[in-house]
Amino acid sequence: MSRKKEETQQQQEFQQEISRIMMPRGRQVFAILEQRLGASRVKARCFDGKERVCRIPGRLKRKLWVREGDLIIVEPWEFSGDERGDVLFKYSNAQVEFLKRRGQLKQMEAFEEF
């Protein structure tokens, strides 16, 4: 493949990735991953002002690789939902920038100050 074709293909993939951004629904909230605890558990600071210990469900364990500072979607548990939750989705850097430009992450600037 020529270099120009590769670049256009990458741009098309980038646009497809951005056009399918998952947004929190219902009880789900945005969160910033603070610390990996091991055994598929992480500590996340949620945008609703609570800090939760979240687990990565078994169906996502091999697919979802997370690091400190990643933007994720957390679904609080029905019982002890203020302290625990499940990680449902991780945003890529391009998706985070897109959400910032659209104004969806205005709360994120306040969280990064701490």
PDB file of N, CA and C in Angstrom:
ATOM      1  N   MET A   1       0.831  -1.188   0.000  1.00  0.00           N
ATOM      2  CA  MET A   1       0.000   0.000   0.000  1.00  0.00           C
ATOM      3  C   MET A   1       0.872   1.246   0.000  1.00  0.00           C
ATOM      4  N   SER A   2       0.401   2.236  -0.683  1.00  0.00           N
ATOM      5  CA  SER A   2       1.164   3.470  -0.677  1.00  0.00           C
ATOM      6  C   SER A   2       0.922   4.223   0.628  1.00  0.00           C
ATOM      7  N   ARG A   3       1.780   5.148   0.885  1.00  0.00           N
ATOM      8  CA  ARG A   3       1.707   5.889   2.149  1.00  0.00           C
ATOM      9  C   ARG A   3       0.440   6.733   2.237  1.00  0.00           C
ATOM     10  N   LYS A   4       0.038   7.299   1.115  1.00  0.00           N
ATOM     11  CA  LYS A   4      -1.155   8.147   1.104  1.00  0.00           C
ATOM     12  C   LYS A   4      -2.405   7.328   1.421  1.00  0.00           C
ATOM     13  N   LYS A   5      -2.483   6.106   0.858  1.00  0.00           N
ATOM     14  CA  LYS A   5      -3.632   5.241   1.144  1.00  0.00           C
ATOM     15  C   LYS A   5      -3.676   4.865   2.615  1.00  0.00           C
ATOM     16  N   GLU A   6      -2.508   4.606   3.200  1.00  0.00           N
ATOM     17  CA  GLU A   6      -2.460   4.263   4.622  1.00  0.00           C
ATOM     18  C   GLU A   6      -2.953   5.414   5.481  1.00  0.00           C
ATOM     19  N   GLU A   7      -2.536   6.633   5.120  1.00  0.00           N
ATOM     20  CA  GLU A   7      -2.963   7.803   5.901  1.00  0.00           C
ATOM     21  C   GLU A   7      -4.467   8.019   5.806  1.00  0.00           C
ATOM     22  N   THR A   8      -5.034   7.883   4.600  1.00  0.00           N
ATOM     23  CA  THR A   8      -6.478   8.071   4.466  1.00  0.00           C
ATOM     24  C   THR A   8      -7.239   6.970   5.206  1.00  0.00           C
ATOM     25  N   GLN A   9      -6.702   5.747   5.183  1.00  0.00           N
ATOM     26  CA  GLN A   9      -7.339   4.655   5.904  1.00  0.00           C
ATOM     27  C   GLN A   9      -7.316   4.911   7.413  1.00  0.00           C
ATOM     28  N   GLN A  10      -6.203   5.431   7.927  1.00  0.00           N
ATOM     29  CA  GLN A  10      -6.111   5.748   9.354  1.00  0.00           C
ATOM     30  C   GLN A  10      -7.089   6.848   9.726  1.00  0.00           C
ATOM     31  N   GLN A  11      -7.235   7.858   8.863  1.00  0.00           N
ATOM     32  CA  GLN A  11      -8.173   8.941   9.142  1.00  0.00           C
ATOM     33  C   GLN A  11      -9.610   8.424   9.172  1.00  0.00           C
ATOM     34  N   GLN A  12      -9.938   7.511   8.252  1.00  0.00           N
ATOM     35  CA  GLN A  12     -11.284   6.942   8.241  1.00  0.00           C
ATOM     36  C   GLN A  12     -11.552   6.130   9.496  1.00  0.00           C
ATOM     37  N   GLU A  13     -10.568   5.352   9.947  1.00  0.00           N
ATOM     38  CA  GLU A  13     -10.720   4.584  11.178  1.00  0.00           C
ATOM     39  C   GLU A  13     -10.897   5.514  12.372  1.00  0.00           C
ATOM     40  N   PHE A  14     -10.150   6.614  12.387  1.00  0.00           N
ATOM     41  CA  PHE A  14     -10.237   7.604  13.454  1.00  0.00           C
ATOM     42  C   PHE A  14     -11.638   8.203  13.504  1.00  0.00           C
ATOM     43  N   GLN A  15     -12.209   8.550  12.347  1.00  0.00           N
ATOM     44  CA  GLN A  15     -13.550   9.126  12.302  1.00  0.00           C
ATOM     45  C   GLN A  15     -14.598   8.115  12.755  1.00  0.00           C
ATOM     46  N   GLN A  16     -14.445   6.852  12.369  1.00  0.00           N
ATOM     47  CA  GLN A  16     -15.390   5.825  12.805  1.00  0.00           C
ATOM     48  C   GLN A  16     -15.331   5.654  14.319  1.00  0.00           C
ATOM     49  N   GLU A  17     -14.125   5.701  14.868  1.00  0.00           N
ATOM     50  CA  GLU A  17     -13.957   5.534  16.308  1.00  0.00           C
ATOM     51  C   GLU A  17     -14.660   6.650  17.055  1.00  0.00           C
ATOM     52  N   ILE A  18     -14.542   7.868  16.568  1.00  0.00           N
ATOM     53  CA  ILE A  18     -15.146   9.015  17.244  1.00  0.00           C
ATOM     54  C   ILE A  18     -16.661   9.021  17.063  1.00  0.00           C
ATOM     55  N   SER A  19     -17.155   8.574  15.923  1.00  0.00           N
ATOM     56  CA  SER A  19     -18.593   8.648  15.680  1.00  0.00           C
ATOM     57  C   SER A  19     -19.388   7.670  16.549  1.00  0.00           C
ATOM     58  N   ARG A  20     -18.721   6.703  17.181  1.00  0.00           N
ATOM     59  CA  ARG A  20     -19.420   5.704  17.994  1.00  0.00           C
ATOM     60  C   ARG A  20     -19.030   5.806  19.461  1.00  0.00           C
ATOM     61  N   ILE A  21     -19.066   6.980  20.001  1.00  0.00           N
ATOM     62  CA  ILE A  21     -18.660   7.157  21.392  1.00  0.00           C
ATOM     63  C   ILE A  21     -19.795   6.769  22.323  1.00  0.00           C
ATOM     64  N   MET A  22     -19.478   5.920  23.283  1.00  0.00           N
ATOM     65  CA  MET A  22     -20.460   5.490  24.279  1.00  0.00           C
ATOM     66  C   MET A  22     -20.594   6.575  25.349  1.00  0.00           C
ATOM     67  N   MET A  23     -21.826   6.888  25.705  1.00  0.00           N
ATOM     68  CA  MET A  23     -22.098   7.886  26.744  1.00  0.00           C
ATOM     69  C   MET A  23     -22.769   7.181  27.924  1.00  0.00           C
ATOM     70  N   PRO A  24     -22.584   7.726  29.145  1.00  0.00           N
ATOM     71  CA  PRO A  24     -23.235   7.115  30.317  1.00  0.00           C
ATOM     72  C   PRO A  24     -24.748   7.178  30.206  1.00  0.00           C
ATOM     73  N   ARG A  25     -25.402   6.092  30.593  1.00  0.00           N
ATOM     74  CA  ARG A  25     -26.862   6.023  30.575  1.00  0.00           C
ATOM     75  C   ARG A  25     -27.358   5.635  31.953  1.00  0.00           C
ATOM     76  N   GLY A  26     -28.489   6.151  32.326  1.00  0.00           N
ATOM     77  CA  GLY A  26     -29.099   5.778  33.598  1.00  0.00           C
ATOM     78  C   GLY A  26     -28.219   6.145  34.786  1.00  0.00           C
ATOM     79  N   ARG A  27     -27.821   5.137  35.565  1.00  0.00           N
ATOM     80  CA  ARG A  27     -27.017   5.371  36.766  1.00  0.00           C
ATOM     81  C   ARG A  27     -25.528   5.463  36.471  1.00  0.00           C
ATOM     82  N   GLN A  28     -25.100   5.201  35.247  1.00  0.00           N
ATOM     83  CA  GLN A  28     -23.687   5.190  34.901  1.00  0.00           C
ATOM     84  C   GLN A  28     -23.098   6.598  34.987  1.00  0.00           C
ATOM     85  N   VAL A  29     -21.814   6.677  35.368  1.00  0.00           N
ATOM     86  CA  VAL A  29     -21.137   7.965  35.496  1.00  0.00           C
ATOM     87  C   VAL A  29     -19.730   7.872  34.890  1.00  0.00           C
ATOM     88  N   PHE A  30     -19.220   9.048  34.488  1.00  0.00           N
ATOM     89  CA  PHE A  30     -17.822   9.139  34.088  1.00  0.00           C
ATOM     90  C   PHE A  30     -16.957   9.018  35.333  1.00  0.00           C
ATOM     91  N   ALA A  31     -15.740   8.509  35.178  1.00  0.00           N
ATOM     92  CA  ALA A  31     -14.801   8.422  36.299  1.00  0.00           C
ATOM     93  C   ALA A  31     -13.378   8.476  35.756  1.00  0.00           C
ATOM     94  N   ILE A  32     -12.460   8.882  36.617  1.00  0.00           N
ATOM     95  CA  ILE A  32     -11.043   8.865  36.294  1.00  0.00           C
ATOM     96  C   ILE A  32     -10.404   7.785  37.152  1.00  0.00           C
ATOM     97  N   LEU A  33      -9.668   6.898  36.516  1.00  0.00           N
ATOM     98  CA  LEU A  33      -9.032   5.803  37.225  1.00  0.00           C
ATOM     99  C   LEU A  33      -7.848   6.345  38.022  1.00  0.00           C
ATOM    100  N   GLU A  34      -7.860   6.131  39.314  1.00  0.00           N
ATOM    101  CA  GLU A  34      -6.798   6.649  40.179  1.00  0.00           C
ATOM    102  C   GLU A  34      -5.714   5.633  40.461  1.00  0.00           C
ATOM    103  N   GLN A  35      -6.115   4.371  40.707  1.00  0.00           N
ATOM    104  CA  GLN A  35      -5.138   3.380  41.145  1.00  0.00           C
ATOM    105  C   GLN A  35      -5.608   1.989  40.770  1.00  0.00           C
ATOM    106  N   ARG A  36      -4.672   1.176  40.303  1.00  0.00           N
ATOM    107  CA  ARG A  36      -4.960  -0.239  40.069  1.00  0.00           C
ATOM    108  C   ARG A  36      -4.655  -1.001  41.345  1.00  0.00           C
ATOM    109  N   LEU A  37      -5.598  -1.814  41.781  1.00  0.00           N
ATOM    110  CA  LEU A  37      -5.448  -2.509  43.054  1.00  0.00           C
ATOM    111  C   LEU A  37      -5.080  -3.977  42.895  1.00  0.00           C
ATOM    112  N   GLY A  38      -5.181  -4.513  41.701  1.00  0.00           N
ATOM    113  CA  GLY A  38      -4.903  -5.928  41.491  1.00  0.00           C
ATOM    114  C   GLY A  38      -6.174  -6.736  41.542  1.00  0.00           C
ATOM    115  N   ALA A  39      -6.117  -7.961  41.031  1.00  0.00           N
ATOM    116  CA  ALA A  39      -7.259  -8.876  41.011  1.00  0.00           C
ATOM    117  C   ALA A  39      -8.457  -8.244  40.296  1.00  0.00           C
ATOM    118  N   SER A  40      -8.184  -7.568  39.184  1.00  0.00           N
ATOM    119  CA  SER A  40      -9.182  -6.892  38.344  1.00  0.00           C
ATOM    120  C   SER A  40     -10.001  -5.854  39.120  1.00  0.00           C
ATOM    121  N   ARG A  41      -9.387  -5.222  40.084  1.00  0.00           N
ATOM    122  CA  ARG A  41     -10.028  -4.153  40.843  1.00  0.00           C
ATOM    123  C   ARG A  41      -9.253  -2.857  40.638  1.00  0.00           C
ATOM    124  N   VAL A  42      -9.981  -1.740  40.628  1.00  0.00           N
ATOM    125  CA  VAL A  42      -9.375  -0.421  40.470  1.00  0.00           C
ATOM    126  C   VAL A  42     -10.073   0.561  41.404  1.00  0.00           C
ATOM    127  N   LYS A  43      -9.371   1.619  41.748  1.00  0.00           N
ATOM    128  CA  LYS A  43      -9.970   2.705  42.516  1.00  0.00           C
ATOM    129  C   LYS A  43     -10.221   3.845  41.543  1.00  0.00           C
ATOM    130  N   ALA A  44     -11.466   4.322  41.487  1.00  0.00           N
ATOM    131  CA  ALA A  44     -11.848   5.352  40.536  1.00  0.00           C
ATOM    132  C   ALA A  44     -12.523   6.510  41.258  1.00  0.00           C
ATOM    133  N   ARG A  45     -12.220   7.730  40.796  1.00  0.00           N
ATOM    134  CA  ARG A  45     -12.871   8.931  41.319  1.00  0.00           C
ATOM    135  C   ARG A  45     -13.962   9.317  40.335  1.00  0.00           C
ATOM    136  N   CYS A  46     -15.210   9.169  40.736  1.00  0.00           N
ATOM    137  CA  CYS A  46     -16.353   9.383  39.851  1.00  0.00           C
ATOM    138  C   CYS A  46     -16.744  10.857  39.816  1.00  0.00           C
ATOM    139  N   PHE A  47     -17.380  11.249  38.719  1.00  0.00           N
ATOM    140  CA  PHE A  47     -17.778  12.641  38.545  1.00  0.00           C
ATOM    141  C   PHE A  47     -18.972  13.023  39.409  1.00  0.00           C
ATOM    142  N   ASP A  48     -19.580  12.066  40.091  1.00  0.00           N
ATOM    143  CA  ASP A  48     -20.658  12.410  41.018  1.00  0.00           C
ATOM    144  C   ASP A  48     -20.116  12.715  42.411  1.00  0.00           C
ATOM    145  N   GLY A  49     -18.784  12.793  42.544  1.00  0.00           N
ATOM    146  CA  GLY A  49     -18.156  13.195  43.791  1.00  0.00           C
ATOM    147  C   GLY A  49     -17.785  12.048  44.717  1.00  0.00           C
ATOM    148  N   LYS A  50     -17.960  10.826  44.294  1.00  0.00           N
ATOM    149  CA  LYS A  50     -17.667   9.674  45.155  1.00  0.00           C
ATOM    150  C   LYS A  50     -16.456   8.922  44.630  1.00  0.00           C
ATOM    151  N   GLU A  51     -15.764   8.287  45.549  1.00  0.00           N
ATOM    152  CA  GLU A  51     -14.637   7.434  45.181  1.00  0.00           C
ATOM    153  C   GLU A  51     -15.075   5.991  45.353  1.00  0.00           C
ATOM    154  N   ARG A  52     -14.912   5.185  44.299  1.00  0.00           N
ATOM    155  CA  ARG A  52     -15.403   3.816  44.332  1.00  0.00           C
ATOM    156  C   ARG A  52     -14.293   2.831  44.022  1.00  0.00           C
ATOM    157  N   VAL A  53     -14.379   1.658  44.641  1.00  0.00           N
ATOM    158  CA  VAL A  53     -13.543   0.524  44.262  1.00  0.00           C
ATOM    159  C   VAL A  53     -14.362  -0.242  43.231  1.00  0.00           C
ATOM    160  N   CYS A  54     -13.833  -0.312  42.019  1.00  0.00           N
ATOM    161  CA  CYS A  54     -14.575  -0.916  40.918  1.00  0.00           C
ATOM    162  C   CYS A  54     -13.870  -2.167  40.430  1.00  0.00           C
ATOM    163  N   ARG A  55     -14.653  -3.068  39.894  1.00  0.00           N
ATOM    164  CA  ARG A  55     -14.066  -4.283  39.339  1.00  0.00           C
ATOM    165  C   ARG A  55     -14.289  -4.294  37.838  1.00  0.00           C
ATOM    166  N   ILE A  56     -13.388  -4.976  37.148  1.00  0.00           N
ATOM    167  CA  ILE A  56     -13.542  -5.188  35.714  1.00  0.00           C
ATOM    168  C   ILE A  56     -14.209  -6.547  35.558  1.00  0.00           C
ATOM    169  N   PRO A  57     -15.422  -6.607  35.000  1.00  0.00           N
ATOM    170  CA  PRO A  57     -16.130  -7.882  34.879  1.00  0.00           C
ATOM    171  C   PRO A  57     -15.346  -8.893  34.044  1.00  0.00           C
ATOM    172  N   GLY A  58     -15.610 -10.164  34.266  1.00  0.00           N
ATOM    173  CA  GLY A  58     -14.888 -11.232  33.599  1.00  0.00           C
ATOM    174  C   GLY A  58     -14.957 -11.171  32.085  1.00  0.00           C
ATOM    175  N   ARG A  59     -16.088 -10.729  31.547  1.00  0.00           N
ATOM    176  CA  ARG A  59     -16.219 -10.677  30.088  1.00  0.00           C
ATOM    177  C   ARG A  59     -15.321  -9.613  29.465  1.00  0.00           C
ATOM    178  N   LEU A  60     -14.848  -8.647  30.274  1.00  0.00           N
ATOM    179  CA  LEU A  60     -13.996  -7.572  29.760  1.00  0.00           C
ATOM    180  C   LEU A  60     -12.546  -7.676  30.206  1.00  0.00           C
ATOM    181  N   LYS A  61     -12.226  -8.639  31.048  1.00  0.00           N
ATOM    182  CA  LYS A  61     -10.887  -8.718  31.635  1.00  0.00           C
ATOM    183  C   LYS A  61      -9.772  -8.707  30.599  1.00  0.00           C
ATOM    184  N   ARG A  62      -9.904  -9.478  29.566  1.00  0.00           N
ATOM    185  CA  ARG A  62      -8.849  -9.585  28.564  1.00  0.00           C
ATOM    186  C   ARG A  62      -8.906  -8.465  27.531  1.00  0.00           C
ATOM    187  N   LYS A  63     -10.050  -7.834  27.376  1.00  0.00           N
ATOM    188  CA  LYS A  63     -10.226  -6.789  26.367  1.00  0.00           C
ATOM    189  C   LYS A  63      -9.898  -5.395  26.887  1.00  0.00           C
ATOM    190  N   LEU A  64     -10.114  -5.160  28.157  1.00  0.00           N
ATOM    191  CA  LEU A  64     -10.054  -3.813  28.719  1.00  0.00           C
ATOM    192  C   LEU A  64      -8.779  -3.636  29.535  1.00  0.00           C
ATOM    193  N   TRP A  65      -7.798  -2.981  28.951  1.00  0.00           N
ATOM    194  CA  TRP A  65      -6.540  -2.704  29.641  1.00  0.00           C
ATOM    195  C   TRP A  65      -6.569  -1.262  30.087  1.00  0.00           C
ATOM    196  N   VAL A  66      -6.455  -1.036  31.385  1.00  0.00           N
ATOM    197  CA  VAL A  66      -6.576   0.319  31.927  1.00  0.00           C
ATOM    198  C   VAL A  66      -5.301   0.723  32.654  1.00  0.00           C
ATOM    199  N   ARG A  67      -5.085   2.050  32.696  1.00  0.00           N
ATOM    200  CA  ARG A  67      -3.954   2.622  33.418  1.00  0.00           C
ATOM    201  C   ARG A  67      -4.444   3.821  34.226  1.00  0.00           C
ATOM    202  N   GLU A  68      -3.606   4.274  35.147  1.00  0.00           N
ATOM    203  CA  GLU A  68      -3.966   5.438  35.942  1.00  0.00           C
ATOM    204  C   GLU A  68      -4.183   6.641  35.031  1.00  0.00           C
ATOM    205  N   GLY A  69      -5.227   7.412  35.321  1.00  0.00           N
ATOM    206  CA  GLY A  69      -5.526   8.603  34.543  1.00  0.00           C
ATOM    207  C   GLY A  69      -6.482   8.372  33.385  1.00  0.00           C
ATOM    208  N   ASP A  70      -6.879   7.136  33.119  1.00  0.00           N
ATOM    209  CA  ASP A  70      -7.811   6.847  32.034  1.00  0.00           C
ATOM    210  C   ASP A  70      -9.217   7.307  32.401  1.00  0.00           C
ATOM    211  N   LEU A  71      -9.958   7.763  31.396  1.00  0.00           N
ATOM    212  CA  LEU A  71     -11.358   8.114  31.569  1.00  0.00           C
ATOM    213  C   LEU A  71     -12.187   6.866  31.294  1.00  0.00           C
ATOM    214  N   ILE A  72     -13.057   6.508  32.236  1.00  0.00           N
ATOM    215  CA  ILE A  72     -13.849   5.284  32.119  1.00  0.00           C
ATOM    216  C   ILE A  72     -15.309   5.584  32.455  1.00  0.00           C
ATOM    217  N   ILE A  73     -16.160   4.625  32.147  1.00  0.00           N
ATOM    218  CA  ILE A  73     -17.564   4.678  32.578  1.00  0.00           C
ATOM    219  C   ILE A  73     -17.744   3.626  33.668  1.00  0.00           C
ATOM    220  N   VAL A  74     -18.332   4.060  34.785  1.00  0.00           N
ATOM    221  CA  VAL A  74     -18.558   3.180  35.931  1.00  0.00           C
ATOM    222  C   VAL A  74     -20.059   3.076  36.170  1.00  0.00           C
ATOM    223  N   GLU A  75     -20.519   1.852  36.439  1.00  0.00           N
ATOM    224  CA  GLU A  75     -21.902   1.650  36.847  1.00  0.00           C
ATOM    225  C   GLU A  75     -21.909   1.235  38.310  1.00  0.00           C
ATOM    226  N   PRO A  76     -22.443   2.090  39.199  1.00  0.00           N
ATOM    227  CA  PRO A  76     -22.489   1.743  40.629  1.00  0.00           C
ATOM    228  C   PRO A  76     -23.364   0.520  40.868  1.00  0.00           C
ATOM    229  N   TRP A  77     -22.984  -0.265  41.867  1.00  0.00           N
ATOM    230  CA  TRP A  77     -23.767  -1.429  42.244  1.00  0.00           C
ATOM    231  C   TRP A  77     -25.058  -0.973  42.907  1.00  0.00           C
ATOM    232  N   GLU A  78     -26.073  -1.848  42.879  1.00  0.00           N
ATOM    233  CA  GLU A  78     -27.332  -1.516  43.543  1.00  0.00           C
ATOM    234  C   GLU A  78     -27.162  -1.486  45.049  1.00  0.00           C
ATOM    235  N   PHE A  79     -26.404  -2.451  45.594  1.00  0.00           N
ATOM    236  CA  PHE A  79     -26.110  -2.458  47.018  1.00  0.00           C
ATOM    237  C   PHE A  79     -24.719  -1.887  47.207  1.00  0.00           C
ATOM    238  N   SER A  80     -24.537  -1.038  48.180  1.00  0.00           N
ATOM    239  CA  SER A  80     -23.281  -0.337  48.459  1.00  0.00           C
ATOM    240  C   SER A  80     -22.762   0.374  47.210  1.00  0.00           C
ATOM    241  N   GLY A  81     -23.669   1.023  46.499  1.00  0.00           N
ATOM    242  CA  GLY A  81     -23.333   1.720  45.255  1.00  0.00           C
ATOM    243  C   GLY A  81     -22.467   2.941  45.438  1.00  0.00           C
ATOM    244  N   ASP A  82     -22.409   3.483  46.672  1.00  0.00           N
ATOM    245  CA  ASP A  82     -21.560   4.649  46.920  1.00  0.00           C
ATOM    246  C   ASP A  82     -20.096   4.257  47.061  1.00  0.00           C
ATOM    247  N   GLU A  83     -19.825   2.977  47.295  1.00  0.00           N
ATOM    248  CA  GLU A  83     -18.444   2.533  47.490  1.00  0.00           C
ATOM    249  C   GLU A  83     -17.951   1.597  46.398  1.00  0.00           C
ATOM    250  N   ARG A  84     -18.857   0.968  45.648  1.00  0.00           N
ATOM    251  CA  ARG A  84     -18.446  -0.061  44.684  1.00  0.00           C
ATOM    252  C   ARG A  84     -19.149   0.121  43.342  1.00  0.00           C
ATOM    253  N   GLY A  85     -18.525  -0.460  42.290  1.00  0.00           N
ATOM    254  CA  GLY A  85     -19.126  -0.385  40.962  1.00  0.00           C
ATOM    255  C   GLY A  85     -18.394  -1.273  39.978  1.00  0.00           C
ATOM    256  N   ASP A  86     -18.869  -1.282  38.744  1.00  0.00           N
ATOM    257  CA  ASP A  86     -18.269  -2.049  37.663  1.00  0.00           C
ATOM    258  C   ASP A  86     -17.749  -1.094  36.589  1.00  0.00           C
ATOM    259  N   VAL A  87     -16.592  -1.412  36.025  1.00  0.00           N
ATOM    260  CA  VAL A  87     -16.046  -0.651  34.902  1.00  0.00           C
ATOM    261  C   VAL A  87     -16.680  -1.211  33.637  1.00  0.00           C
ATOM    262  N   LEU A  88     -17.278  -0.325  32.831  1.00  0.00           N
ATOM    263  CA  LEU A  88     -17.959  -0.776  31.626  1.00  0.00           C
ATOM    264  C   LEU A  88     -17.220  -0.431  30.345  1.00  0.00           C
ATOM    265  N   PHE A  89     -16.494   0.692  30.335  1.00  0.00           N
ATOM    266  CA  PHE A  89     -15.904   1.172  29.087  1.00  0.00           C
ATOM    267  C   PHE A  89     -14.717   2.067  29.389  1.00  0.00           C
ATOM    268  N   LYS A  90     -13.705   2.028  28.518  1.00  0.00           N
ATOM    269  CA  LYS A  90     -12.549   2.914  28.624  1.00  0.00           C
ATOM    270  C   LYS A  90     -12.465   3.743  27.348  1.00  0.00           C
ATOM    271  N   TYR A  91     -12.251   5.043  27.496  1.00  0.00           N
ATOM    272  CA  TYR A  91     -12.135   5.942  26.354  1.00  0.00           C
ATOM    273  C   TYR A  91     -10.690   6.041  25.890  1.00  0.00           C
ATOM    274  N   SER A  92     -10.496   6.118  24.576  1.00  0.00           N
ATOM    275  CA  SER A  92      -9.164   6.350  24.015  1.00  0.00           C
ATOM    276  C   SER A  92      -8.853   7.841  24.120  1.00  0.00           C
ATOM    277  N   ASN A  93      -7.605   8.212  23.874  1.00  0.00           N
ATOM    278  CA  ASN A  93      -7.213   9.623  23.956  1.00  0.00           C
ATOM    279  C   ASN A  93      -7.969  10.470  22.944  1.00  0.00           C
ATOM    280  N   ALA A  94      -8.170   9.955  21.738  1.00  0.00           N
ATOM    281  CA  ALA A  94      -8.897  10.701  20.710  1.00  0.00           C
ATOM    282  C   ALA A  94     -10.350  10.931  21.132  1.00  0.00           C
ATOM    283  N   GLN A  95     -10.957   9.941  21.741  1.00  0.00           N
ATOM    284  CA  GLN A  95     -12.339  10.079  22.194  1.00  0.00           C
ATOM    285  C   GLN A  95     -12.447  11.098  23.319  1.00  0.00           C
ATOM    286  N   VAL A  96     -11.464  11.123  24.219  1.00  0.00           N
ATOM    287  CA  VAL A  96     -11.469  12.090  25.320  1.00  0.00           C
ATOM    288  C   VAL A  96     -11.364  13.507  24.770  1.00  0.00           C
ATOM    289  N   GLU A  97     -10.473  13.721  23.814  1.00  0.00           N
ATOM    290  CA  GLU A  97     -10.330  15.048  23.207  1.00  0.00           C
ATOM    291  C   GLU A  97     -11.616  15.469  22.511  1.00  0.00           C
ATOM    292  N   PHE A  98     -12.268  14.544  21.827  1.00  0.00           N
ATOM    293  CA  PHE A  98     -13.523  14.839  21.147  1.00  0.00           C
ATOM    294  C   PHE A  98     -14.600  15.248  22.156  1.00  0.00           C
ATOM    295  N   LEU A  99     -14.690  14.518  23.256  1.00  0.00           N
ATOM    296  CA  LEU A  99     -15.679  14.844  24.291  1.00  0.00           C
ATOM    297  C   LEU A  99     -15.394  16.201  24.928  1.00  0.00           C
ATOM    298  N   LYS A 100     -14.118  16.522  25.103  1.00  0.00           N
ATOM    299  CA  LYS A 100     -13.760  17.836  25.663  1.00  0.00           C
ATOM    300  C   LYS A 100     -14.184  18.957  24.723  1.00  0.00           C
ATOM    301  N   ARG A 101     -13.942  18.764  23.428  1.00  0.00           N
ATOM    302  CA  ARG A 101     -14.319  19.787  22.443  1.00  0.00           C
ATOM    303  C   ARG A 101     -15.825  19.980  22.402  1.00  0.00           C
ATOM    304  N   ARG A 102     -16.594  18.908  22.598  1.00  0.00           N
ATOM    305  CA  ARG A 102     -18.052  19.009  22.584  1.00  0.00           C
ATOM    306  C   ARG A 102     -18.619  19.533  23.893  1.00  0.00           C
ATOM    307  N   GLY A 103     -17.768  19.679  24.919  1.00  0.00           N
ATOM    308  CA  GLY A 103     -18.231  20.221  26.191  1.00  0.00           C
ATOM    309  C   GLY A 103     -18.840  19.197  27.126  1.00  0.00           C
ATOM    310  N   GLN A 104     -18.652  17.926  26.855  1.00  0.00           N
ATOM    311  CA  GLN A 104     -19.226  16.879  27.702  1.00  0.00           C
ATOM    312  C   GLN A 104     -18.433  16.678  28.995  1.00  0.00           C
ATOM    313  N   LEU A 105     -17.175  17.109  29.012  1.00  0.00           N
ATOM    314  CA  LEU A 105     -16.301  16.836  30.163  1.00  0.00           C
ATOM    315  C   LEU A 105     -15.898  18.110  30.898  1.00  0.00           C
ATOM    316  N   LYS A 106     -16.831  19.009  31.089  1.00  0.00           N
ATOM    317  CA  LYS A 106     -16.506  20.246  31.811  1.00  0.00           C
ATOM    318  C   LYS A 106     -16.127  19.967  33.255  1.00  0.00           C
ATOM    319  N   GLN A 107     -16.682  18.905  33.833  1.00  0.00           N
ATOM    320  CA  GLN A 107     -16.357  18.551  35.221  1.00  0.00           C
ATOM    321  C   GLN A 107     -14.929  18.032  35.338  1.00  0.00           C
ATOM    322  N   MET A 108     -14.364  17.557  34.241  1.00  0.00           N
ATOM    323  CA  MET A 108     -13.040  16.935  34.292  1.00  0.00           C
ATOM    324  C   MET A 108     -11.962  17.939  34.694  1.00  0.00           C
ATOM    325  N   GLU A 109     -12.066  19.181  34.249  1.00  0.00           N
ATOM    326  CA  GLU A 109     -11.072  20.187  34.613  1.00  0.00           C
ATOM    327  C   GLU A 109     -11.046  20.429  36.122  1.00  0.00           C
ATOM    328  N   ALA A 110     -12.222  20.421  36.756  1.00  0.00           N
ATOM    329  CA  ALA A 110     -12.279  20.611  38.203  1.00  0.00           C
ATOM    330  C   ALA A 110     -11.659  19.428  38.931  1.00  0.00           C
ATOM    331  N   PHE A 111     -11.817  18.226  38.392  1.00  0.00           N
ATOM    332  CA  PHE A 111     -11.259  17.034  39.038  1.00  0.00           C
ATOM    333  C   PHE A 111      -9.742  16.997  38.895  1.00  0.00           C
ATOM    334  N   GLU A 112      -9.202  17.481  37.779  1.00  0.00           N
ATOM    335  CA  GLU A 112      -7.769  17.411  37.560  1.00  0.00           C
ATOM    336  C   GLU A 112      -7.003  18.385  38.449  1.00  0.00           C
ATOM    337  N   GLU A 113      -7.695  19.376  39.035  1.00  0.00           N
ATOM    338  CA  GLU A 113      -7.025  20.342  39.903  1.00  0.00           C
ATOM    339  C   GLU A 113      -6.605  19.722  41.223  1.00  0.00           C
ATOM    340  N   PHE A 114      -7.302  18.711  41.711  1.00  0.00           N
ATOM    341  CA  PHE A 114      -7.009  18.123  43.025  1.00  0.00           C
ATOM    342  C   PHE A 114      -5.709  17.417  43.047  1.00  0.00           C
TER     343      PHE A 114
END
